[in-house]
Structure formats: C-alpha cells, structure tokens
Amino acid sequence: MKNVVPALCFALLATALQAQTAKEMDLLLADPQLSYARAARYILPAAGILPVSVSEADAFKAALEKGWLPDGTAASSPVRLDQGSYLMMRAFSLEGGLMYRLIPGPRYAYRELVHRRFIQGRRDPAQPLSGARLVQILGRVLDDKGGGE
C-alpha cells in the first residue's frame, strides 16, 4: 500500500503535465502571429540553450542579451519570418552561406533557411511567423541536426 500512493501521485502528475503540454502545443499551433517572446520560448529550448520549462519573458531576455534580437524590440512585438530565421540560425549555430558569413542578419538567415529547404511553401520574409510555421521549421532544423524530438 505504501508503494501505491507515490505511484498514483506520480501518474496523476504525469497526466496533468502531459495535458498541459498538449494544451500549450494547441495554443502555439493556433497562433497566427507569434511575438518575439513566444518565438524565443520555443526556439531556445529546442536548441538546448534553455530548459523546456523556461518562461517567455526569460527566453526573450536571454535572446536579447545574446544580441540575437534587434535592439529596442518589445517582447510582445510580432516576429516576422526573416527575424525568426535569424533567431534560429543563431540559436542552433547554423553555418550560413557566403553572404550570411559576411553580413549576418535576418535577410541572409531567411535566404539560407529557404536554400536548405527548412522553409517551404508560400513564403515572404516580411510575413508574420505563425506557430504552425515555427513548428514546421523547427522540426526540419532538428531533423537536420539529428535531434528531432
């Protein structure tokens, strides 16, 4: 009986955490336009830079401190596809082409991810980065890096 109570508590906790994660993923996939804070919240943990349980505010602060986001950017500002591409290139330490190496920035980061076919389908560097698109791109980057969890 003593072993049943801790096992039951663990099972209930695991179920609650799984439901919370699924709910969080549903909200992410339904988001048509991510903020910088929300994008950083998913990109940095995927790259192994921050723990999965990091808050949006802490992830945004870390990306800003590393110089991966434009100066003066608000956490709630909408992130564009090219800006999200730059954050991914920096977070995953992806090597870029000649122009990215000479002039690293959102423009050439976006072009590099298109070239590598991480960004597919209808695309425009100025379009808003949606949650579904972020998940697709992150999946391709993780597959390429060998850590597709």
Protein backbone atom coordinates (compact mmCIF):
# COMPACT_ATOMS: atom_id res chain seq x y z
CA MET A 1 0.00 0.00 0.00
CA LYS A 2 2.88 2.36 0.73
CA ASN A 3 4.19 1.99 -2.84
CA VAL A 4 0.77 2.53 -4.40
CA VAL A 5 0.28 6.09 -3.12
CA PRO A 6 3.53 7.54 -4.57
CA ALA A 7 2.96 5.70 -7.85
CA LEU A 8 -0.58 7.06 -8.05
CA CYS A 9 0.63 10.61 -7.31
CA PHE A 10 3.31 10.28 -9.99
CA ALA A 11 0.77 9.02 -12.53
CA LEU A 12 -1.61 11.90 -11.80
CA LEU A 13 1.22 14.44 -12.03
CA ALA A 14 2.47 12.99 -15.32
CA THR A 15 -1.06 13.07 -16.76
CA ALA A 16 -1.55 16.69 -15.69
CA LEU A 17 1.81 17.72 -17.18
CA GLN A 18 1.07 15.91 -20.43
CA ALA A 19 -2.32 17.62 -20.70
CA GLN A 20 -0.71 20.99 -20.01
CA THR A 21 1.91 20.36 -22.70
CA ALA A 22 -0.74 19.31 -25.23
CA LYS A 23 -2.83 22.38 -24.41
CA GLU A 24 0.26 24.59 -24.79
CA MET A 25 1.06 22.99 -28.16
CA ASP A 26 -2.52 23.51 -29.35
CA LEU A 27 -2.29 27.19 -28.43
CA LEU A 28 1.04 27.51 -30.24
CA LEU A 29 -0.26 25.85 -33.40
CA ALA A 30 -3.34 28.10 -33.41
CA ASP A 31 -1.31 31.32 -33.02
CA PRO A 32 -1.33 33.17 -36.38
CA GLN A 33 1.38 35.65 -35.37
CA LEU A 34 3.99 34.90 -32.71
CA SER A 35 5.58 37.53 -30.52
CA TYR A 36 9.35 37.69 -30.07
CA ALA A 37 8.96 36.34 -26.53
CA ARG A 38 6.87 33.38 -27.64
CA ALA A 39 9.19 32.53 -30.54
CA ALA A 40 12.23 32.65 -28.24
CA ARG A 41 10.34 30.49 -25.71
CA TYR A 42 10.24 27.63 -28.22
CA ILE A 43 13.42 28.16 -30.25
CA LEU A 44 15.96 28.44 -27.43
CA PRO A 45 14.84 25.28 -25.56
CA ALA A 46 14.72 23.38 -28.87
CA ALA A 47 18.35 24.37 -29.43
CA GLY A 48 19.26 23.17 -25.93
CA ILE A 49 20.18 26.66 -24.72
CA LEU A 50 17.47 26.96 -22.07
CA PRO A 51 15.37 24.39 -20.20
CA VAL A 52 11.99 23.41 -21.63
CA SER A 53 10.21 24.95 -18.64
CA VAL A 54 11.57 28.48 -19.33
CA SER A 55 9.10 31.34 -19.35
CA GLU A 56 8.55 33.55 -22.38
CA ALA A 57 9.98 36.54 -20.54
CA ASP A 58 13.19 34.71 -19.57
CA ALA A 59 13.66 33.31 -23.07
CA PHE A 60 13.16 36.76 -24.60
CA LYS A 61 15.62 38.28 -22.14
CA ALA A 62 18.25 35.61 -22.93
CA ALA A 63 17.89 36.10 -26.71
CA LEU A 64 18.09 39.87 -26.29
CA GLU A 65 21.21 39.63 -24.09
CA LYS A 66 22.92 37.42 -26.67
CA GLY A 67 22.26 40.04 -29.34
CA TRP A 68 20.04 37.75 -31.39
CA LEU A 69 17.13 40.20 -31.46
CA PRO A 70 17.07 43.80 -32.70
CA ASP A 71 17.81 46.43 -30.05
CA GLY A 72 14.73 48.08 -28.63
CA THR A 73 12.47 45.18 -29.54
CA ALA A 74 9.47 44.69 -27.28
CA ALA A 75 8.68 41.17 -26.10
CA SER A 76 5.13 41.48 -27.43
CA SER A 77 6.16 42.74 -30.89
CA PRO A 78 5.21 40.40 -33.74
CA VAL A 79 8.10 38.45 -35.22
CA ARG A 80 8.49 38.18 -38.98
CA LEU A 81 9.68 35.11 -40.85
CA ASP A 82 13.12 36.59 -41.60
CA GLN A 83 13.64 37.66 -37.98
CA GLY A 84 12.60 34.24 -36.73
CA SER A 85 15.01 32.69 -39.23
CA TYR A 86 17.87 34.75 -37.80
CA LEU A 87 17.00 33.68 -34.26
CA MET A 88 17.03 30.03 -35.36
CA MET A 89 20.33 30.38 -37.22
CA ARG A 90 21.96 31.90 -34.14
CA ALA A 91 20.37 29.57 -31.58
CA PHE A 92 21.31 26.42 -33.50
CA SER A 93 24.72 27.79 -34.58
CA LEU A 94 23.90 27.03 -38.21
CA GLU A 95 26.58 27.85 -40.74
CA GLY A 96 25.36 30.14 -43.47
CA GLY A 97 26.47 30.85 -46.99
CA LEU A 98 28.97 33.48 -48.05
CA MET A 99 26.62 36.45 -47.70
CA TYR A 100 25.41 35.31 -44.27
CA ARG A 101 29.01 34.98 -43.11
CA LEU A 102 29.88 38.43 -44.44
CA ILE A 103 26.71 40.21 -43.34
CA PRO A 104 24.87 38.07 -40.77
CA GLY A 105 21.32 39.22 -40.32
CA PRO A 106 17.67 38.36 -40.90
CA ARG A 107 17.79 38.77 -44.69
CA TYR A 108 20.51 36.20 -45.31
CA ALA A 109 19.36 33.92 -42.50
CA TYR A 110 15.98 33.71 -44.21
CA ARG A 111 17.59 33.02 -47.57
CA GLU A 112 19.78 30.31 -46.02
CA LEU A 113 16.81 28.51 -44.47
CA VAL A 114 14.96 28.68 -47.80
CA HIS A 115 18.04 27.32 -49.59
CA ARG A 116 18.28 24.41 -47.14
CA ARG A 117 14.55 23.79 -47.64
CA PHE A 118 13.77 24.33 -43.95
CA ILE A 119 11.28 26.99 -45.07
CA GLN A 120 8.96 25.60 -47.71
CA GLY A 121 5.71 26.57 -49.37
CA ARG A 122 4.40 30.08 -49.77
CA ARG A 123 6.88 32.45 -48.24
CA ASP A 124 7.78 36.09 -47.87
CA PRO A 125 10.47 37.29 -45.45
CA ALA A 126 8.14 40.01 -44.13
CA GLN A 127 5.20 37.71 -43.42
CA PRO A 128 4.29 37.04 -39.80
CA LEU A 129 5.73 33.89 -38.25
CA SER A 130 2.83 31.70 -37.15
CA GLY A 131 3.02 28.98 -34.54
CA ALA A 132 2.37 26.24 -37.08
CA ARG A 133 5.13 27.53 -39.35
CA LEU A 134 7.55 27.71 -36.41
CA VAL A 135 6.85 24.08 -35.54
CA GLN A 136 7.42 23.01 -39.16
CA ILE A 137 10.70 24.87 -39.48
CA LEU A 138 11.96 23.75 -36.06
CA GLY A 139 11.13 20.15 -36.98
CA ARG A 140 13.22 20.38 -40.14
CA VAL A 141 16.12 22.05 -38.33
CA LEU A 142 16.07 19.41 -35.57
CA ASP A 143 15.93 16.61 -38.15
CA ASP A 144 18.94 18.10 -39.88
CA LYS A 145 20.83 18.47 -36.59
CA GLY A 146 19.96 14.89 -35.62
CA GLY A 147 17.77 15.68 -32.63
CA GLY A 148 14.22 15.51 -33.96
CA GLU A 149 12.38 15.25 -30.63
